[in-house]
Structures are given as C-alpha cells and as structure tokens.
Amino acid sequence: MNILIFGLLTIISLFIFLKLGKIKASTKQLNRENRIKWTQNQNQTLNENADNSKTVEVKPSQISDQSDK
C-alpha cells in the first residue's frame, strides 16, 4: 500500500515540476537596471584575495642533508 501512495506522490510531483519548469520570467524581470552582474569577478587572477591584496609566492631555499658527516 505504501508503494502505491508514494509512487503516486512521486508521479504527481514530477508532473508538477515539469509543468512549472516551462514558466519563464517576464521581459520586465529580465531587462531591469539593477540586475546583479554575475560576470564581474571573472577577470581576477587566482593570486588575489577577496580584499584585492596580492599574495607573494616564496620559493623555499634548498636544505642540505647533514646526515653525510
């Protein structure tokens, strides 16, 4: 009995999801002045932090092996 109830619930939910997925935003919502600019951070390099400070890459110096004495 549970399989029948949950199966019907799944089919109904999937049908509603697919029907609502076809609804699109209106042109008034899409073409507004105060939209978020999602592409503003694409040109930042990976070496910059969130506060735009650049990190300095330090190469480690060579360590000599002292066990050969």
Protein backbone atom coordinates (compact mmCIF):
# COMPACT_ATOMS: atom_id res chain seq x y z
CA MET A 1 0.00 0.00 0.00
CA ASN A 2 2.86 2.39 0.82
CA ILE A 3 4.42 1.75 -2.59
CA LEU A 4 1.21 2.81 -4.30
CA ILE A 5 0.86 6.02 -2.25
CA PHE A 6 4.49 7.08 -2.61
CA GLY A 7 4.54 6.09 -6.28
CA LEU A 8 1.51 8.28 -7.00
CA LEU A 9 3.04 11.10 -4.95
CA THR A 10 6.26 10.82 -6.96
CA ILE A 11 4.45 10.83 -10.31
CA ILE A 12 2.29 13.82 -9.33
CA SER A 13 5.33 15.73 -8.02
CA LEU A 14 7.30 15.01 -11.18
CA PHE A 15 4.39 16.12 -13.37
CA ILE A 16 4.03 19.41 -11.43
CA PHE A 17 7.79 20.01 -11.55
CA LEU A 18 7.92 19.52 -15.32
CA LYS A 19 4.90 21.77 -15.90
CA LEU A 20 6.27 24.57 -13.71
CA GLY A 21 9.72 24.27 -15.31
CA LYS A 22 8.38 25.71 -18.55
CA ILE A 23 7.41 29.01 -16.91
CA LYS A 24 9.90 31.75 -17.76
CA ALA A 25 10.50 35.15 -16.25
CA SER A 26 8.88 38.09 -17.96
CA THR A 27 10.92 40.56 -20.01
CA LYS A 28 10.29 43.20 -17.33
CA GLN A 29 12.07 40.96 -14.83
CA LEU A 30 14.90 40.05 -17.20
CA ASN A 31 15.65 43.54 -18.57
CA ARG A 32 15.93 45.71 -15.48
CA GLU A 33 18.54 48.26 -14.49
CA ASN A 34 19.54 46.92 -11.06
CA ARG A 35 20.40 43.37 -12.10
CA ILE A 36 23.26 41.55 -10.41
CA LYS A 37 26.37 41.46 -12.60
CA TRP A 38 27.44 37.84 -12.33
CA THR A 39 30.47 38.32 -14.61
CA GLN A 40 32.26 41.00 -12.58
CA ASN A 41 34.72 38.62 -10.89
CA GLN A 42 35.77 36.55 -13.91
CA ASN A 43 38.88 38.60 -14.72
CA GLN A 44 40.51 38.39 -11.30
CA THR A 45 43.62 36.28 -11.07
CA LEU A 46 43.91 33.41 -8.65
CA ASN A 47 46.68 35.18 -6.71
CA GLU A 48 44.33 37.92 -5.49
CA ASN A 49 42.42 37.54 -2.26
CA ALA A 50 38.91 38.82 -1.63
CA ASP A 51 40.32 42.15 -0.40
CA ASN A 52 42.35 42.51 -3.65
CA SER A 53 45.69 42.08 -1.90
CA LYS A 54 48.21 40.14 -3.91
CA THR A 55 49.99 37.19 -2.36
CA VAL A 56 53.72 36.80 -2.75
CA GLU A 57 54.96 33.39 -3.77
CA VAL A 58 58.08 32.45 -1.84
CA LYS A 59 60.22 29.60 -3.12
CA PRO A 60 61.78 27.52 -0.38
CA SER A 61 65.53 27.50 -0.07
CA GLN A 62 67.41 24.27 -0.57
CA ILE A 63 68.06 22.30 2.59
CA SER A 64 71.34 20.47 2.77
CA ASP A 65 71.47 16.92 4.03
CA GLN A 66 73.63 16.87 7.15
CA SER A 67 73.49 13.13 7.73
CA ASP A 68 76.55 12.58 5.43
CA LYS A 69 79.08 13.78 8.02
